[in-house]
Amino acid sequence: MRLVTRDELCDYTFCPADSDLVARLHAQTNALTLRPYRSSDCAPIITLFHRTVHSINLADYTQAQCNVWAPDTIDEDRWQESLSAHTTVTVWDGDILAGFGDLNIEDAYFDRLYVHPCYQKIGVATKIAQALEDAAANAGIQTLEVHASITSRPFFTNRGYILCHAQQVERAGCLLTNFVMKKSLGN
């Protein structure tokens, strides 16, 4: 047992029953700010991605699956190139990255959406998804596709994405299940 400040809450793992309360306590300190991706965001994004997969997604995937999905060593240059080429947005709580997402306009593909474990279920993912869907609609995209994880499938279903089919994706000899889903952005 330890007494910690509100800013230190994100440094600890809490049981699922407490995670909503912890997120709300932490988010009370600052307003969440949505902004476009900057190259200096890449390292915090990789850290958030790894942490989220190994905590939140671990509830739906095995440790081996999480290890190949988000390995300990991630090619920052490759991520920088991808995030810069896509329409990428970030959400910040002061100097803490609360979430990020990116959209490949050329392929009409909603690529990534990850939220910090301490910021789950308080609207961060919704803020990111809305910004990316608006960007897609403004680019003239009629239908947006996402390959949703088991974890994120309910979120995308609630946003109006329709399940097309489940698929198995192979990474380093390990199979991961995700779901091809589409949403009509047309009027």
N, C-alpha and C. Protein backbone atom coordinates (compact mmCIF):
# COMPACT_ATOMS: atom_id res chain seq x y z
N MET A 1 0.85 -1.17 0.00
CA MET A 1 0.00 0.00 0.00
C MET A 1 0.90 1.23 0.00
N ARG A 2 0.49 2.24 -0.78
CA ARG A 2 1.30 3.44 -0.90
C ARG A 2 0.41 4.63 -1.24
N LEU A 3 0.71 5.77 -0.66
CA LEU A 3 0.02 7.00 -0.98
C LEU A 3 0.74 7.64 -2.17
N VAL A 4 -0.01 7.95 -3.23
CA VAL A 4 0.60 8.55 -4.42
C VAL A 4 -0.21 9.78 -4.82
N THR A 5 0.41 10.66 -5.59
CA THR A 5 -0.29 11.83 -6.10
C THR A 5 -1.14 11.42 -7.30
N ARG A 6 -2.04 12.28 -7.68
CA ARG A 6 -2.90 12.03 -8.83
C ARG A 6 -2.05 11.81 -10.09
N ASP A 7 -0.98 12.58 -10.25
CA ASP A 7 -0.12 12.44 -11.43
C ASP A 7 0.63 11.12 -11.47
N GLU A 8 0.82 10.49 -10.32
CA GLU A 8 1.53 9.21 -10.26
C GLU A 8 0.62 8.01 -10.53
N LEU A 9 -0.68 8.22 -10.59
CA LEU A 9 -1.61 7.11 -10.77
C LEU A 9 -1.31 6.28 -12.00
N CYS A 10 -0.89 6.92 -13.08
CA CYS A 10 -0.65 6.21 -14.33
C CYS A 10 0.60 5.33 -14.27
N ASP A 11 1.37 5.44 -13.22
CA ASP A 11 2.57 4.62 -13.08
C ASP A 11 2.26 3.25 -12.48
N TYR A 12 1.00 3.01 -12.12
CA TYR A 12 0.64 1.77 -11.45
C TYR A 12 -0.46 1.04 -12.21
N THR A 13 -0.48 -0.27 -12.06
CA THR A 13 -1.53 -1.09 -12.67
C THR A 13 -2.60 -1.34 -11.61
N PHE A 14 -3.85 -1.10 -11.99
CA PHE A 14 -4.97 -1.29 -11.09
C PHE A 14 -5.87 -2.41 -11.59
N CYS A 15 -6.62 -3.01 -10.71
CA CYS A 15 -7.55 -4.06 -11.12
C CYS A 15 -8.64 -3.42 -11.98
N PRO A 16 -9.25 -4.20 -12.89
CA PRO A 16 -10.26 -3.65 -13.79
C PRO A 16 -11.39 -2.90 -13.08
N ALA A 17 -11.79 -3.36 -11.92
CA ALA A 17 -12.89 -2.70 -11.21
C ALA A 17 -12.53 -1.27 -10.79
N ASP A 18 -11.24 -0.99 -10.62
CA ASP A 18 -10.80 0.34 -10.21
C ASP A 18 -10.34 1.23 -11.36
N SER A 19 -10.16 0.66 -12.54
CA SER A 19 -9.55 1.43 -13.64
C SER A 19 -10.38 2.63 -14.06
N ASP A 20 -11.71 2.52 -14.09
CA ASP A 20 -12.56 3.67 -14.45
C ASP A 20 -12.39 4.81 -13.46
N LEU A 21 -12.41 4.48 -12.18
CA LEU A 21 -12.25 5.50 -11.14
C LEU A 21 -10.88 6.17 -11.23
N VAL A 22 -9.86 5.39 -11.43
CA VAL A 22 -8.50 5.93 -11.54
C VAL A 22 -8.40 6.87 -12.73
N ALA A 23 -8.97 6.47 -13.87
CA ALA A 23 -8.95 7.33 -15.06
C ALA A 23 -9.66 8.65 -14.79
N ARG A 24 -10.80 8.59 -14.15
CA ARG A 24 -11.55 9.81 -13.86
C ARG A 24 -10.80 10.71 -12.88
N LEU A 25 -10.19 10.13 -11.87
CA LEU A 25 -9.39 10.92 -10.92
C LEU A 25 -8.23 11.61 -11.62
N HIS A 26 -7.55 10.87 -12.46
CA HIS A 26 -6.39 11.45 -13.12
C HIS A 26 -6.79 12.53 -14.12
N ALA A 27 -7.83 12.28 -14.89
CA ALA A 27 -8.24 13.23 -15.93
C ALA A 27 -8.82 14.52 -15.35
N GLN A 28 -9.16 14.56 -14.08
CA GLN A 28 -9.71 15.78 -13.48
C GLN A 28 -8.68 16.90 -13.41
N THR A 29 -7.40 16.59 -13.51
CA THR A 29 -6.39 17.61 -13.33
C THR A 29 -6.24 18.52 -14.55
N ASN A 30 -6.48 18.03 -15.72
CA ASN A 30 -6.25 18.79 -16.94
C ASN A 30 -7.37 18.54 -17.95
N ALA A 31 -7.52 19.47 -18.86
CA ALA A 31 -8.44 19.26 -19.98
C ALA A 31 -7.73 18.41 -21.02
N LEU A 32 -8.45 17.50 -21.63
CA LEU A 32 -7.89 16.68 -22.68
C LEU A 32 -7.84 17.49 -23.97
N THR A 33 -6.68 17.52 -24.60
CA THR A 33 -6.47 18.33 -25.80
C THR A 33 -6.17 17.44 -26.99
N LEU A 34 -6.96 17.59 -28.05
CA LEU A 34 -6.74 16.87 -29.31
C LEU A 34 -5.88 17.74 -30.20
N ARG A 35 -4.84 17.16 -30.78
CA ARG A 35 -4.02 17.92 -31.72
C ARG A 35 -3.41 16.98 -32.76
N PRO A 36 -2.98 17.53 -33.90
CA PRO A 36 -2.32 16.72 -34.92
C PRO A 36 -0.98 16.17 -34.43
N TYR A 37 -0.58 15.09 -35.03
CA TYR A 37 0.69 14.43 -34.73
C TYR A 37 1.88 15.34 -35.02
N ARG A 38 2.87 15.27 -34.15
CA ARG A 38 4.17 15.92 -34.35
C ARG A 38 5.23 14.83 -34.29
N SER A 39 6.32 15.02 -34.98
CA SER A 39 7.37 13.98 -35.00
C SER A 39 7.90 13.68 -33.59
N SER A 40 7.86 14.65 -32.71
CA SER A 40 8.31 14.42 -31.33
C SER A 40 7.36 13.51 -30.54
N ASP A 41 6.20 13.22 -31.10
CA ASP A 41 5.22 12.35 -30.44
C ASP A 41 5.53 10.87 -30.62
N CYS A 42 6.41 10.53 -31.54
CA CYS A 42 6.60 9.13 -31.90
C CYS A 42 7.02 8.26 -30.71
N ALA A 43 8.02 8.68 -29.97
CA ALA A 43 8.48 7.86 -28.83
C ALA A 43 7.38 7.67 -27.78
N PRO A 44 6.66 8.73 -27.37
CA PRO A 44 5.57 8.51 -26.43
C PRO A 44 4.45 7.62 -27.00
N ILE A 45 4.21 7.72 -28.30
CA ILE A 45 3.20 6.87 -28.94
C ILE A 45 3.61 5.40 -28.85
N ILE A 46 4.86 5.11 -29.14
CA ILE A 46 5.33 3.72 -29.07
C ILE A 46 5.23 3.19 -27.65
N THR A 47 5.58 4.01 -26.69
CA THR A 47 5.48 3.61 -25.28
C THR A 47 4.03 3.33 -24.90
N LEU A 48 3.12 4.22 -25.30
CA LEU A 48 1.70 4.03 -25.01
C LEU A 48 1.18 2.76 -25.68
N PHE A 49 1.51 2.56 -26.95
CA PHE A 49 1.10 1.37 -27.70
C PHE A 49 1.52 0.10 -26.97
N HIS A 50 2.79 0.02 -26.61
CA HIS A 50 3.31 -1.17 -25.93
C HIS A 50 2.60 -1.39 -24.60
N ARG A 51 2.46 -0.33 -23.83
CA ARG A 51 1.84 -0.44 -22.50
C ARG A 51 0.38 -0.86 -22.61
N THR A 52 -0.34 -0.30 -23.56
CA THR A 52 -1.76 -0.61 -23.72
C THR A 52 -1.97 -2.05 -24.15
N VAL A 53 -1.22 -2.50 -25.15
CA VAL A 53 -1.36 -3.89 -25.61
C VAL A 53 -1.06 -4.85 -24.47
N HIS A 54 -0.01 -4.57 -23.68
CA HIS A 54 0.41 -5.49 -22.63
C HIS A 54 -0.41 -5.36 -21.33
N SER A 55 -1.36 -4.44 -21.30
CA SER A 55 -2.23 -4.37 -20.12
C SER A 55 -3.69 -4.54 -20.54
N ILE A 56 -4.20 -3.66 -21.37
CA ILE A 56 -5.61 -3.70 -21.76
C ILE A 56 -5.91 -4.88 -22.67
N ASN A 57 -5.15 -5.05 -23.75
CA ASN A 57 -5.42 -6.12 -24.70
C ASN A 57 -5.08 -7.50 -24.16
N LEU A 58 -4.27 -7.55 -23.11
CA LEU A 58 -3.92 -8.82 -22.49
C LEU A 58 -5.15 -9.53 -21.93
N ALA A 59 -6.23 -8.81 -21.72
CA ALA A 59 -7.46 -9.44 -21.25
C ALA A 59 -8.10 -10.33 -22.32
N ASP A 60 -7.81 -10.05 -23.60
CA ASP A 60 -8.43 -10.79 -24.71
C ASP A 60 -7.44 -11.61 -25.54
N TYR A 61 -6.17 -11.41 -25.32
CA TYR A 61 -5.12 -12.11 -26.08
C TYR A 61 -4.13 -12.73 -25.09
N THR A 62 -3.43 -13.75 -25.53
CA THR A 62 -2.43 -14.39 -24.66
C THR A 62 -1.19 -13.52 -24.57
N GLN A 63 -0.34 -13.83 -23.59
CA GLN A 63 0.92 -13.10 -23.45
C GLN A 63 1.76 -13.25 -24.72
N ALA A 64 1.80 -14.44 -25.29
CA ALA A 64 2.56 -14.68 -26.52
C ALA A 64 2.03 -13.81 -27.67
N GLN A 65 0.72 -13.71 -27.79
CA GLN A 65 0.13 -12.87 -28.83
C GLN A 65 0.48 -11.39 -28.60
N CYS A 66 0.39 -10.93 -27.36
CA CYS A 66 0.74 -9.54 -27.06
C CYS A 66 2.22 -9.27 -27.33
N ASN A 67 3.07 -10.27 -27.07
CA ASN A 67 4.50 -10.11 -27.30
C ASN A 67 4.84 -9.91 -28.78
N VAL A 68 4.12 -10.59 -29.68
CA VAL A 68 4.38 -10.39 -31.11
C VAL A 68 3.66 -9.16 -31.65
N TRP A 69 2.54 -8.82 -31.05
CA TRP A 69 1.78 -7.63 -31.46
C TRP A 69 2.55 -6.37 -31.08
N ALA A 70 3.06 -6.33 -29.87
CA ALA A 70 3.80 -5.17 -29.37
C ALA A 70 5.09 -5.66 -28.73
N PRO A 71 6.10 -5.95 -29.56
CA PRO A 71 7.36 -6.46 -29.02
C PRO A 71 8.09 -5.39 -28.20
N ASP A 72 9.05 -5.84 -27.41
CA ASP A 72 9.81 -4.90 -26.58
C ASP A 72 10.63 -3.93 -27.42
N THR A 73 11.05 -4.36 -28.61
CA THR A 73 11.80 -3.49 -29.51
C THR A 73 10.93 -3.16 -30.72
N ILE A 74 10.66 -1.87 -30.91
CA ILE A 74 9.82 -1.40 -32.02
C ILE A 74 10.64 -0.42 -32.84
N ASP A 75 10.57 -0.57 -34.16
CA ASP A 75 11.33 0.26 -35.08
C ASP A 75 10.72 1.68 -35.12
N GLU A 76 11.33 2.60 -34.38
CA GLU A 76 10.79 3.96 -34.29
C GLU A 76 10.79 4.67 -35.64
N ASP A 77 11.82 4.44 -36.46
CA ASP A 77 11.86 5.09 -37.78
C ASP A 77 10.68 4.64 -38.65
N ARG A 78 10.36 3.37 -38.59
CA ARG A 78 9.23 2.84 -39.38
C ARG A 78 7.91 3.44 -38.89
N TRP A 79 7.74 3.53 -37.56
CA TRP A 79 6.53 4.14 -37.02
C TRP A 79 6.46 5.62 -37.37
N GLN A 80 7.58 6.31 -37.28
CA GLN A 80 7.62 7.73 -37.62
C GLN A 80 7.16 7.94 -39.07
N GLU A 81 7.66 7.10 -39.96
CA GLU A 81 7.30 7.19 -41.37
C GLU A 81 5.79 6.95 -41.55
N SER A 82 5.28 5.93 -40.91
CA SER A 82 3.86 5.58 -41.04
C SER A 82 2.96 6.66 -40.44
N LEU A 83 3.26 7.09 -39.23
CA LEU A 83 2.43 8.10 -38.57
C LEU A 83 2.46 9.43 -39.31
N SER A 84 3.60 9.77 -39.90
CA SER A 84 3.73 11.02 -40.66
C SER A 84 2.98 10.95 -41.99
N ALA A 85 2.95 9.77 -42.59
CA ALA A 85 2.27 9.60 -43.88
C ALA A 85 0.75 9.58 -43.72
N HIS A 86 0.27 9.18 -42.56
CA HIS A 86 -1.16 9.09 -42.30
C HIS A 86 -1.68 10.38 -41.67
N THR A 87 -2.99 10.49 -41.60
CA THR A 87 -3.62 11.53 -40.80
C THR A 87 -3.63 10.99 -39.38
N THR A 88 -2.82 11.58 -38.53
CA THR A 88 -2.63 11.07 -37.17
C THR A 88 -2.98 12.17 -36.17
N VAL A 89 -3.75 11.79 -35.16
CA VAL A 89 -4.10 12.74 -34.10
C VAL A 89 -3.72 12.15 -32.75
N THR A 90 -3.48 13.04 -31.81
CA THR A 90 -3.11 12.65 -30.46
C THR A 90 -4.02 13.39 -29.47
N VAL A 91 -4.20 12.79 -28.31
CA VAL A 91 -4.93 13.45 -27.22
C VAL A 91 -3.99 13.51 -26.04
N TRP A 92 -3.86 14.71 -25.48
CA TRP A 92 -2.93 14.97 -24.37
C TRP A 92 -3.68 15.45 -23.15
N ASP A 93 -3.21 15.03 -22.00
CA ASP A 93 -3.66 15.53 -20.71
C ASP A 93 -2.43 16.22 -20.13
N GLY A 94 -2.30 17.51 -20.39
CA GLY A 94 -1.06 18.20 -20.03
C GLY A 94 0.07 17.62 -20.85
N ASP A 95 1.09 17.07 -20.18
CA ASP A 95 2.22 16.48 -20.91
C ASP A 95 2.15 14.95 -20.97
N ILE A 96 0.97 14.38 -20.66
CA ILE A 96 0.79 12.93 -20.72
C ILE A 96 -0.02 12.59 -21.97
N LEU A 97 0.51 11.70 -22.78
CA LEU A 97 -0.21 11.22 -23.97
C LEU A 97 -1.32 10.28 -23.51
N ALA A 98 -2.57 10.68 -23.76
CA ALA A 98 -3.72 9.87 -23.35
C ALA A 98 -4.16 8.90 -24.43
N GLY A 99 -3.86 9.22 -25.69
CA GLY A 99 -4.25 8.33 -26.78
C GLY A 99 -3.81 8.86 -28.12
N PHE A 100 -3.89 8.00 -29.12
CA PHE A 100 -3.57 8.40 -30.49
C PHE A 100 -4.32 7.51 -31.46
N GLY A 101 -4.46 7.98 -32.66
CA GLY A 101 -5.07 7.19 -33.73
C GLY A 101 -4.60 7.71 -35.06
N ASP A 102 -4.66 6.85 -36.07
CA ASP A 102 -4.25 7.29 -37.40
C ASP A 102 -5.12 6.66 -38.47
N LEU A 103 -5.18 7.39 -39.58
CA LEU A 103 -6.03 7.07 -40.70
C LEU A 103 -5.21 7.11 -41.98
N ASN A 104 -5.28 6.05 -42.76
CA ASN A 104 -4.65 6.02 -44.07
C ASN A 104 -5.71 6.48 -45.07
N ILE A 105 -5.66 7.74 -45.44
CA ILE A 105 -6.66 8.34 -46.33
C ILE A 105 -6.68 7.61 -47.67
N GLU A 106 -5.51 7.32 -48.21
CA GLU A 106 -5.40 6.69 -49.53
C GLU A 106 -6.15 5.36 -49.59
N ASP A 107 -6.10 4.58 -48.52
CA ASP A 107 -6.75 3.27 -48.49
C ASP A 107 -8.09 3.28 -47.76
N ALA A 108 -8.53 4.45 -47.30
CA ALA A 108 -9.77 4.56 -46.52
C ALA A 108 -9.76 3.58 -45.36
N TYR A 109 -8.63 3.57 -44.65
CA TYR A 109 -8.38 2.58 -43.60
C TYR A 109 -8.05 3.25 -42.28
N PHE A 110 -8.85 2.99 -41.28
CA PHE A 110 -8.64 3.47 -39.91
C PHE A 110 -7.61 2.51 -39.32
N ASP A 111 -6.37 2.94 -39.23
CA ASP A 111 -5.28 2.02 -38.93
C ASP A 111 -5.15 1.69 -37.44
N ARG A 112 -4.82 2.68 -36.61
CA ARG A 112 -4.56 2.42 -35.20
C ARG A 112 -5.41 3.33 -34.32
N LEU A 113 -5.77 2.81 -33.15
CA LEU A 113 -6.45 3.59 -32.11
C LEU A 113 -6.08 2.95 -30.78
N TYR A 114 -5.29 3.67 -29.99
CA TYR A 114 -4.84 3.16 -28.69
C TYR A 114 -5.01 4.25 -27.64
N VAL A 115 -5.47 3.84 -26.48
CA VAL A 115 -5.69 4.75 -25.37
C VAL A 115 -4.90 4.25 -24.17
N HIS A 116 -4.23 5.18 -23.52
CA HIS A 116 -3.44 4.89 -22.32
C HIS A 116 -4.31 4.14 -21.31
N PRO A 117 -3.76 3.15 -20.62
CA PRO A 117 -4.56 2.40 -19.63
C PRO A 117 -5.26 3.26 -18.59
N CYS A 118 -4.68 4.37 -18.21
CA CYS A 118 -5.31 5.26 -17.21
C CYS A 118 -6.38 6.17 -17.80
N TYR A 119 -6.60 6.11 -19.10
CA TYR A 119 -7.56 6.99 -19.75
C TYR A 119 -8.65 6.22 -20.49
N GLN A 120 -8.85 4.97 -20.11
CA GLN A 120 -9.88 4.14 -20.73
C GLN A 120 -11.27 4.61 -20.29
N LYS A 121 -12.21 4.56 -21.21
CA LYS A 121 -13.65 4.77 -20.94
C LYS A 121 -14.00 6.15 -20.39
N ILE A 122 -13.24 7.18 -20.82
CA ILE A 122 -13.62 8.55 -20.44
C ILE A 122 -13.74 9.46 -21.67
N GLY A 123 -13.83 8.86 -22.86
CA GLY A 123 -14.07 9.64 -24.08
C GLY A 123 -12.86 9.90 -24.95
N VAL A 124 -11.69 9.42 -24.58
CA VAL A 124 -10.49 9.65 -25.39
C VAL A 124 -10.62 8.98 -26.75
N ALA A 125 -10.99 7.72 -26.77
CA ALA A 125 -11.13 6.99 -28.04
C ALA A 125 -12.21 7.62 -28.91
N THR A 126 -13.29 8.06 -28.29
CA THR A 126 -14.38 8.70 -29.04
C THR A 126 -13.89 9.99 -29.69
N LYS A 127 -13.13 10.78 -28.96
CA LYS A 127 -12.59 12.04 -29.48
C LYS A 127 -11.68 11.77 -30.69
N ILE A 128 -10.84 10.77 -30.58
CA ILE A 128 -9.92 10.42 -31.66
C ILE A 128 -10.70 9.89 -32.87
N ALA A 129 -11.61 8.94 -32.63
CA ALA A 129 -12.37 8.34 -33.73
C ALA A 129 -13.18 9.40 -34.47
N GLN A 130 -13.80 10.31 -33.74
CA GLN A 130 -14.60 11.35 -34.39
C GLN A 130 -13.73 12.24 -35.27
N ALA A 131 -12.56 12.62 -34.77
CA ALA A 131 -11.66 13.46 -35.56
C ALA A 131 -11.21 12.75 -36.84
N LEU A 132 -10.90 11.46 -36.73
CA LEU A 132 -10.44 10.72 -37.91
C LEU A 132 -11.58 10.45 -38.88
N GLU A 133 -12.76 10.14 -38.37
CA GLU A 133 -13.91 9.95 -39.26
C GLU A 133 -14.28 11.26 -39.97
N ASP A 134 -14.17 12.37 -39.26
CA ASP A 134 -14.43 13.68 -39.89
C ASP A 134 -13.39 13.95 -40.98
N ALA A 135 -12.14 13.64 -40.72
CA ALA A 135 -11.08 13.83 -41.72
C ALA A 135 -11.34 12.96 -42.94
N ALA A 136 -11.79 11.73 -42.72
CA ALA A 136 -12.10 10.83 -43.83
C ALA A 136 -13.26 11.38 -44.66
N ALA A 137 -14.32 11.81 -43.98
CA ALA A 137 -15.48 12.38 -44.69
C ALA A 137 -15.08 13.62 -45.47
N ASN A 138 -14.25 14.48 -44.88
CA ASN A 138 -13.79 15.69 -45.57
C ASN A 138 -12.92 15.37 -46.78
N ALA A 139 -12.28 14.19 -46.77
CA ALA A 139 -11.47 13.76 -47.91
C ALA A 139 -12.32 13.05 -48.97
N GLY A 140 -13.63 12.97 -48.73
CA GLY A 140 -14.53 12.35 -49.70
C GLY A 140 -14.67 10.84 -49.57
N ILE A 141 -14.17 10.29 -48.50
CA ILE A 141 -14.28 8.84 -48.29
C ILE A 141 -15.73 8.51 -47.92
N GLN A 142 -16.29 7.54 -48.62
CA GLN A 142 -17.67 7.13 -48.36
C GLN A 142 -17.76 6.01 -47.34
N THR A 143 -16.79 5.09 -47.38
CA THR A 143 -16.79 3.94 -46.47
C THR A 143 -15.41 3.79 -45.86
N LEU A 144 -15.37 3.68 -44.55
CA LEU A 144 -14.13 3.55 -43.80
C LEU A 144 -14.03 2.13 -43.25
N GLU A 145 -12.84 1.55 -43.38
CA GLU A 145 -12.60 0.18 -42.90
C GLU A 145 -11.65 0.19 -41.72
N VAL A 146 -11.88 -0.72 -40.78
CA VAL A 146 -11.00 -0.91 -39.64
C VAL A 146 -10.85 -2.41 -39.42
N HIS A 147 -9.70 -2.82 -38.92
CA HIS A 147 -9.49 -4.20 -38.49
C HIS A 147 -9.42 -4.16 -36.97
N ALA A 148 -10.55 -4.35 -36.34
CA ALA A 148 -10.69 -4.16 -34.89
C ALA A 148 -10.23 -5.40 -34.13
N SER A 149 -9.54 -5.15 -33.04
CA SER A 149 -9.15 -6.24 -32.15
C SER A 149 -10.38 -6.76 -31.41
N ILE A 150 -10.21 -7.89 -30.76
CA ILE A 150 -11.29 -8.41 -29.90
C ILE A 150 -11.67 -7.33 -28.88
N THR A 151 -10.67 -6.65 -28.34
CA THR A 151 -10.87 -5.63 -27.31
C THR A 151 -11.65 -4.43 -27.84
N SER A 152 -11.30 -3.98 -29.04
CA SER A 152 -11.91 -2.75 -29.57
C SER A 152 -13.19 -2.97 -30.37
N ARG A 153 -13.51 -4.21 -30.67
CA ARG A 153 -14.70 -4.48 -31.48
C ARG A 153 -15.97 -3.85 -30.90
N PRO A 154 -16.26 -3.97 -29.60
CA PRO A 154 -17.48 -3.32 -29.08
C PRO A 154 -17.49 -1.80 -29.29
N PHE A 155 -16.32 -1.16 -29.14
CA PHE A 155 -16.24 0.28 -29.35
C PHE A 155 -16.64 0.63 -30.78
N PHE A 156 -16.06 -0.07 -31.76
CA PHE A 156 -16.38 0.22 -33.16
C PHE A 156 -17.82 -0.14 -33.51
N THR A 157 -18.34 -1.21 -32.93
CA THR A 157 -19.75 -1.57 -33.14
C THR A 157 -20.64 -0.42 -32.65
N ASN A 158 -20.34 0.12 -31.49
CA ASN A 158 -21.13 1.24 -30.94
C ASN A 158 -21.02 2.49 -31.79
N ARG A 159 -19.97 2.62 -32.58
CA ARG A 159 -19.80 3.78 -33.46
C ARG A 159 -20.44 3.56 -34.83
N GLY A 160 -21.10 2.41 -35.02
CA GLY A 160 -21.80 2.17 -36.28
C GLY A 160 -21.02 1.37 -37.31
N TYR A 161 -19.89 0.79 -36.91
CA TYR A 161 -19.15 -0.07 -37.83
C TYR A 161 -19.85 -1.42 -37.89
N ILE A 162 -19.95 -1.96 -39.08
CA ILE A 162 -20.63 -3.24 -39.32
C ILE A 162 -19.57 -4.32 -39.53
N LEU A 163 -19.77 -5.46 -38.88
CA LEU A 163 -18.85 -6.58 -39.00
C LEU A 163 -18.95 -7.18 -40.40
N CYS A 164 -17.82 -7.30 -41.08
CA CYS A 164 -17.76 -7.98 -42.37
C CYS A 164 -17.36 -9.44 -42.16
N HIS A 165 -16.26 -9.65 -41.44
CA HIS A 165 -15.82 -11.01 -41.12
C HIS A 165 -14.68 -10.97 -40.11
N ALA A 166 -14.51 -12.10 -39.43
CA ALA A 166 -13.36 -12.28 -38.54
C ALA A 166 -12.21 -12.78 -39.38
N GLN A 167 -11.00 -12.51 -38.92
CA GLN A 167 -9.82 -13.03 -39.63
C GLN A 167 -8.72 -13.35 -38.63
N GLN A 168 -7.81 -14.19 -39.06
CA GLN A 168 -6.63 -14.53 -38.28
C GLN A 168 -5.43 -13.87 -38.97
N VAL A 169 -4.68 -13.09 -38.21
CA VAL A 169 -3.49 -12.42 -38.73
C VAL A 169 -2.29 -13.10 -38.10
N GLU A 170 -1.33 -13.48 -38.93
CA GLU A 170 -0.13 -14.17 -38.44
C GLU A 170 0.99 -13.16 -38.22
N ARG A 171 1.56 -13.21 -37.03
CA ARG A 171 2.73 -12.38 -36.70
C ARG A 171 3.73 -13.26 -35.98
N ALA A 172 4.90 -13.38 -36.60
CA ALA A 172 5.99 -14.16 -36.01
C ALA A 172 5.53 -15.56 -35.57
N GLY A 173 4.73 -16.19 -36.42
CA GLY A 173 4.27 -17.55 -36.14
C GLY A 173 3.11 -17.65 -35.18
N CYS A 174 2.57 -16.53 -34.77
CA CYS A 174 1.47 -16.50 -33.79
C CYS A 174 0.23 -15.93 -34.49
N LEU A 175 -0.92 -16.55 -34.28
CA LEU A 175 -2.16 -16.07 -34.88
C LEU A 175 -2.91 -15.16 -33.92
N LEU A 176 -3.37 -14.03 -34.44
CA LEU A 176 -4.17 -13.08 -33.67
C LEU A 176 -5.49 -12.88 -34.40
N THR A 177 -6.58 -12.90 -33.67
CA THR A 177 -7.90 -12.68 -34.24
C THR A 177 -8.21 -11.19 -34.25
N ASN A 178 -8.73 -10.72 -35.40
CA ASN A 178 -9.33 -9.39 -35.44
C ASN A 178 -10.53 -9.43 -36.36
N PHE A 179 -11.20 -8.30 -36.49
CA PHE A 179 -12.47 -8.26 -37.21
C PHE A 179 -12.45 -7.13 -38.23
N VAL A 180 -12.71 -7.48 -39.49
CA VAL A 180 -12.82 -6.48 -40.54
C VAL A 180 -14.21 -5.87 -40.39
N MET A 181 -14.23 -4.56 -40.19
CA MET A 181 -15.49 -3.83 -40.00
C MET A 181 -15.49 -2.60 -40.90
N LYS A 182 -16.67 -2.18 -41.32
CA LYS A 182 -16.80 -1.00 -42.18
C LYS A 182 -17.92 -0.09 -41.68
N LYS A 183 -17.70 1.20 -41.95
CA LYS A 183 -18.72 2.20 -41.60
C LYS A 183 -18.95 3.11 -42.79
N SER A 184 -20.20 3.33 -43.10
CA SER A 184 -20.56 4.26 -44.17
C SER A 184 -20.50 5.68 -43.61
N LEU A 185 -19.76 6.55 -44.30
CA LEU A 185 -19.66 7.93 -43.89
C LEU A 185 -20.55 8.84 -44.73
N GLY A 186 -21.18 8.26 -45.74
CA GLY A 186 -22.04 9.05 -46.64
C GLY A 186 -23.30 9.53 -45.94
N ASN A 187 -23.89 10.56 -46.51
CA ASN A 187 -25.11 11.14 -45.92
C ASN A 187 -26.29 10.24 -46.07
